[in-house]
């Protein structure tokens, strides 16, 4: 995991120097596009890595990812942008205790802060590697204990003193592609915060996501 993170960061840092051999950056285009707005809709595949045997090694859980972003060009002479926004992301997982299945939903409002480089192949098409971080606040979710029978089933709030903490945060890396106004991206979140209440065990989220949308 650490090697993958370091490799991705190195690639994001190295790409601006490689861009000198590609399509020349157009200053006029930059002046007309120094701020952009975007809408995103996609799919998230989340896992939880934990010292707690109950949570670690469980199945991944998929969910919705939807949000809006705004990007600011940091310098007129370079296609480097600061991107932020708000998104709603559904994370979670599932596992077993004594052979009994349980699932848990962790739904967050997330605030990303990313540095993005736009490498133009043509005036209409660009690749956009990015790296940065995110902060997240849990806004809902349920823990469902299926028990050994229907009479043993129970439902609890995910964000409570018995289960998970509301605050999360970590690193985000990925790459986007834009053709005219159409945009798509693939990324990964490395959760760094301990989302459990335990002083001994740590649990951290991880999430692949695939988004599509438009930029204005």
Protein backbone atom coordinates (compact mmCIF):
# COMPACT_ATOMS: atom_id res chain seq x y z
CA UNK A 1 0.00 0.00 0.00
CA UNK A 2 2.81 2.44 0.93
CA UNK A 3 4.70 1.63 -2.29
CA UNK A 4 1.55 2.28 -4.36
CA UNK A 5 1.01 5.63 -2.59
CA UNK A 6 4.62 6.75 -3.10
CA UNK A 7 4.58 5.70 -6.76
CA UNK A 8 1.35 7.59 -7.43
CA UNK A 9 2.66 10.76 -5.75
CA UNK A 10 5.93 10.53 -7.70
CA UNK A 11 4.01 10.19 -10.97
CA UNK A 12 1.85 13.21 -10.15
CA UNK A 13 4.96 15.27 -9.36
CA UNK A 14 6.86 14.12 -12.46
CA UNK A 15 4.09 14.66 -15.02
CA UNK A 16 4.43 18.48 -15.25
CA UNK A 17 8.04 18.08 -16.47
CA UNK A 18 6.93 15.50 -19.05
CA UNK A 19 4.26 17.88 -20.29
CA UNK A 20 6.92 20.02 -21.98
CA UNK A 21 7.03 17.39 -24.71
CA UNK A 22 3.27 17.37 -25.21
CA UNK A 23 0.77 19.89 -26.49
CA UNK A 24 1.96 23.41 -25.54
CA UNK A 25 -0.07 25.11 -22.86
CA UNK A 26 -2.16 27.94 -24.22
CA UNK A 27 -2.05 31.11 -21.99
CA UNK A 28 -5.19 32.51 -23.63
CA UNK A 29 -7.07 29.32 -22.81
CA UNK A 30 -5.87 29.62 -19.21
CA UNK A 31 -7.16 33.16 -18.84
CA UNK A 32 -10.61 32.06 -20.00
CA UNK A 33 -10.65 29.01 -17.71
CA UNK A 34 -9.00 30.19 -14.46
CA UNK A 35 -12.04 29.04 -12.46
CA UNK A 36 -14.22 26.03 -13.23
CA UNK A 37 -17.23 24.37 -11.62
CA UNK A 38 -18.15 20.72 -11.87
CA UNK A 39 -20.78 18.12 -11.01
CA UNK A 40 -19.83 14.53 -10.17
CA UNK A 41 -21.76 11.26 -9.96
CA UNK A 42 -20.22 7.85 -9.53
CA UNK A 43 -19.53 4.63 -7.70
CA UNK A 44 -17.48 3.97 -4.55
CA UNK A 45 -16.03 0.64 -3.37
CA UNK A 46 -15.01 0.84 0.28
CA UNK A 47 -13.15 -1.36 2.76
CA UNK A 48 -12.15 -1.06 6.41
CA UNK A 49 -8.71 -2.18 7.58
CA UNK A 50 -8.57 -2.83 11.32
CA UNK A 51 -6.63 -4.37 14.20
CA UNK A 52 -9.99 -5.72 15.34
CA UNK A 53 -10.49 -9.21 13.87
CA UNK A 54 -14.25 -8.59 13.68
CA UNK A 55 -13.82 -5.66 11.28
CA UNK A 56 -10.64 -6.60 9.44
CA UNK A 57 -10.80 -8.74 6.33
CA UNK A 58 -14.52 -8.23 5.75
CA UNK A 59 -16.11 -7.84 2.34
CA UNK A 60 -15.95 -4.57 0.42
CA UNK A 61 -19.11 -2.50 0.17
CA UNK A 62 -20.21 -0.42 -2.81
CA UNK A 63 -22.21 2.77 -2.72
CA UNK A 64 -23.09 6.10 -4.30
CA UNK A 65 -20.73 9.04 -4.71
CA UNK A 66 -22.21 12.42 -5.69
CA UNK A 67 -20.94 15.95 -5.37
CA UNK A 68 -19.91 19.32 -6.77
CA UNK A 69 -16.45 20.86 -7.14
CA UNK A 70 -14.81 24.19 -7.84
CA UNK A 71 -11.27 24.68 -9.13
CA UNK A 72 -8.98 27.72 -9.08
CA UNK A 73 -5.95 28.11 -11.31
CA UNK A 74 -2.94 28.88 -9.09
CA UNK A 75 -0.82 30.70 -11.70
CA UNK A 76 -1.70 32.13 -15.14
CA UNK A 77 1.39 30.62 -16.76
CA UNK A 78 0.83 27.03 -15.61
CA UNK A 79 -2.16 24.63 -15.71
CA UNK A 80 -2.01 23.88 -11.97
CA UNK A 81 -5.28 24.07 -10.04
CA UNK A 82 -6.54 23.89 -6.48
CA UNK A 83 -9.79 21.92 -6.40
CA UNK A 84 -12.26 21.60 -3.55
CA UNK A 85 -16.00 21.03 -3.07
CA UNK A 86 -18.45 18.83 -1.21
CA UNK A 87 -19.54 15.27 -1.86
CA UNK A 88 -21.78 12.62 -0.35
CA UNK A 89 -20.10 9.19 -0.25
CA UNK A 90 -21.45 5.84 0.92
CA UNK A 91 -18.81 3.61 2.53
CA UNK A 92 -18.95 0.66 4.93
CA UNK A 93 -18.37 -3.08 4.97
CA UNK A 94 -19.64 -6.42 6.17
CA UNK A 95 -18.34 -9.39 8.12
CA UNK A 96 -19.21 -12.20 10.49
CA UNK A 97 -19.16 -12.76 14.24
CA UNK A 98 -19.38 -16.37 15.39
CA UNK A 99 -20.66 -17.22 11.92
CA UNK A 100 -23.41 -14.58 12.03
CA UNK A 101 -23.46 -11.94 9.30
CA UNK A 102 -23.44 -8.21 10.01
CA UNK A 103 -23.22 -5.15 7.73
CA UNK A 104 -22.47 -1.51 8.45
CA UNK A 105 -23.08 1.62 6.39
CA UNK A 106 -20.85 4.68 6.83
CA UNK A 107 -22.26 7.65 4.92
CA UNK A 108 -20.14 10.80 4.82
CA UNK A 109 -20.12 14.40 3.68
CA UNK A 110 -16.58 14.94 2.42
CA UNK A 111 -14.46 18.04 1.78
CA UNK A 112 -11.54 17.34 -0.59
CA UNK A 113 -8.56 19.67 -1.04
CA UNK A 114 -6.58 18.66 -4.12
CA UNK A 115 -3.72 19.91 -6.28
CA UNK A 116 -4.44 19.09 -9.92
CA UNK A 117 -2.27 19.38 -13.02
CA UNK A 118 -3.93 19.58 -16.45
CA UNK A 119 -1.80 18.03 -19.19
CA UNK A 120 -3.26 19.09 -22.57
CA UNK A 121 -2.91 16.72 -25.52
CA UNK A 122 -5.15 19.01 -27.57
CA UNK A 123 -7.24 22.05 -26.78
CA UNK A 124 -10.22 19.76 -26.16
CA UNK A 125 -8.62 16.82 -24.32
CA UNK A 126 -6.51 16.70 -21.15
CA UNK A 127 -5.33 14.27 -18.49
CA UNK A 128 -5.48 15.60 -14.94
CA UNK A 129 -3.51 13.77 -12.22
CA UNK A 130 -4.23 14.98 -8.70
CA UNK A 131 -3.06 14.48 -5.12
CA UNK A 132 -4.26 15.90 -1.83
CA UNK A 133 -6.44 15.08 1.13
CA UNK A 134 -9.99 15.03 2.40
CA UNK A 135 -11.97 15.57 5.59
CA UNK A 136 -15.19 13.66 6.23
CA UNK A 137 -18.13 13.90 8.62
CA UNK A 138 -20.40 10.90 9.17
CA UNK A 139 -24.02 11.89 8.59
CA UNK A 140 -25.80 8.52 8.70
CA UNK A 141 -25.60 4.78 8.54
CA UNK A 142 -26.82 1.61 10.20
CA UNK A 143 -25.22 -1.49 11.65
CA UNK A 144 -27.39 -4.52 10.87
CA UNK A 145 -26.88 -7.64 12.98
CA UNK A 146 -28.56 -10.57 11.23
CA UNK A 147 -28.19 -12.89 14.24
CA UNK A 148 -28.89 -16.61 14.11
CA UNK A 149 -32.59 -16.17 13.30
CA UNK A 150 -35.15 -13.47 12.50
CA UNK A 151 -35.85 -13.06 16.21
CA UNK A 152 -32.19 -12.21 16.88
CA UNK A 153 -31.92 -9.46 14.27
CA UNK A 154 -31.09 -5.94 15.43
CA UNK A 155 -30.30 -2.54 13.89
CA UNK A 156 -28.10 0.16 15.46
CA UNK A 157 -26.79 3.59 14.50
CA UNK A 158 -23.32 3.35 12.95
CA UNK A 159 -22.10 6.58 14.52
CA UNK A 160 -22.54 5.94 18.23
CA UNK A 161 -20.36 5.31 21.27
CA UNK A 162 -20.59 1.55 20.67
CA UNK A 163 -19.47 1.60 17.04
CA UNK A 164 -17.84 4.29 14.86
CA UNK A 165 -16.67 7.88 15.22
CA UNK A 166 -18.11 10.51 12.92
CA UNK A 167 -14.86 12.16 11.82
CA UNK A 168 -12.55 10.74 9.18
CA UNK A 169 -9.81 12.06 6.94
CA UNK A 170 -6.86 11.00 4.85
CA UNK A 171 -5.02 11.22 1.54
CA UNK A 172 -6.49 11.12 -1.95
CA UNK A 173 -4.74 10.34 -5.24
CA UNK A 174 -6.03 9.73 -8.73
CA UNK A 175 -6.29 10.93 -12.30
CA UNK A 176 -9.04 12.55 -14.32
CA UNK A 177 -9.64 12.97 -18.04
CA UNK A 178 -11.61 15.78 -19.69
CA UNK A 179 -12.94 16.11 -23.22
CA UNK A 180 -14.52 19.51 -23.74
CA UNK A 181 -17.06 19.63 -20.86
CA UNK A 182 -17.21 15.87 -20.19
CA UNK A 183 -15.11 14.65 -17.27
CA UNK A 184 -14.25 11.28 -15.69
CA UNK A 185 -11.89 10.27 -12.91
CA UNK A 186 -10.57 7.28 -10.98
CA UNK A 187 -9.15 7.73 -7.48
CA UNK A 188 -8.38 6.16 -4.14
CA UNK A 189 -8.79 7.43 -0.57
CA UNK A 190 -6.29 6.33 2.09
CA UNK A 191 -8.04 6.86 5.43
CA UNK A 192 -5.63 7.98 8.15
CA UNK A 193 -7.99 8.64 11.07
CA UNK A 194 -9.03 5.92 13.52
CA UNK A 195 -12.80 5.64 13.07
CA UNK A 196 -13.25 3.37 16.11
CA UNK A 197 -13.55 4.47 19.74
CA UNK A 198 -11.05 1.89 21.02
CA UNK A 199 -7.74 3.10 22.49
CA UNK A 200 -6.06 -0.17 21.52
CA UNK A 201 -7.43 -1.12 18.09
CA UNK A 202 -7.36 1.13 15.03
CA UNK A 203 -9.72 0.98 12.07
CA UNK A 204 -9.19 2.97 8.88
CA UNK A 205 -11.22 3.32 5.71
CA UNK A 206 -10.06 2.80 2.16
CA UNK A 207 -12.12 3.61 -0.92
CA UNK A 208 -11.79 3.31 -4.70
CA UNK A 209 -14.13 5.57 -6.63
CA UNK A 210 -15.07 6.12 -10.26
CA UNK A 211 -16.83 9.38 -11.10
CA UNK A 212 -18.27 10.98 -14.21
CA UNK A 213 -19.61 14.47 -14.70
CA UNK A 214 -19.28 17.83 -16.42
CA UNK A 215 -17.17 20.95 -15.95
CA UNK A 216 -18.34 24.48 -16.66
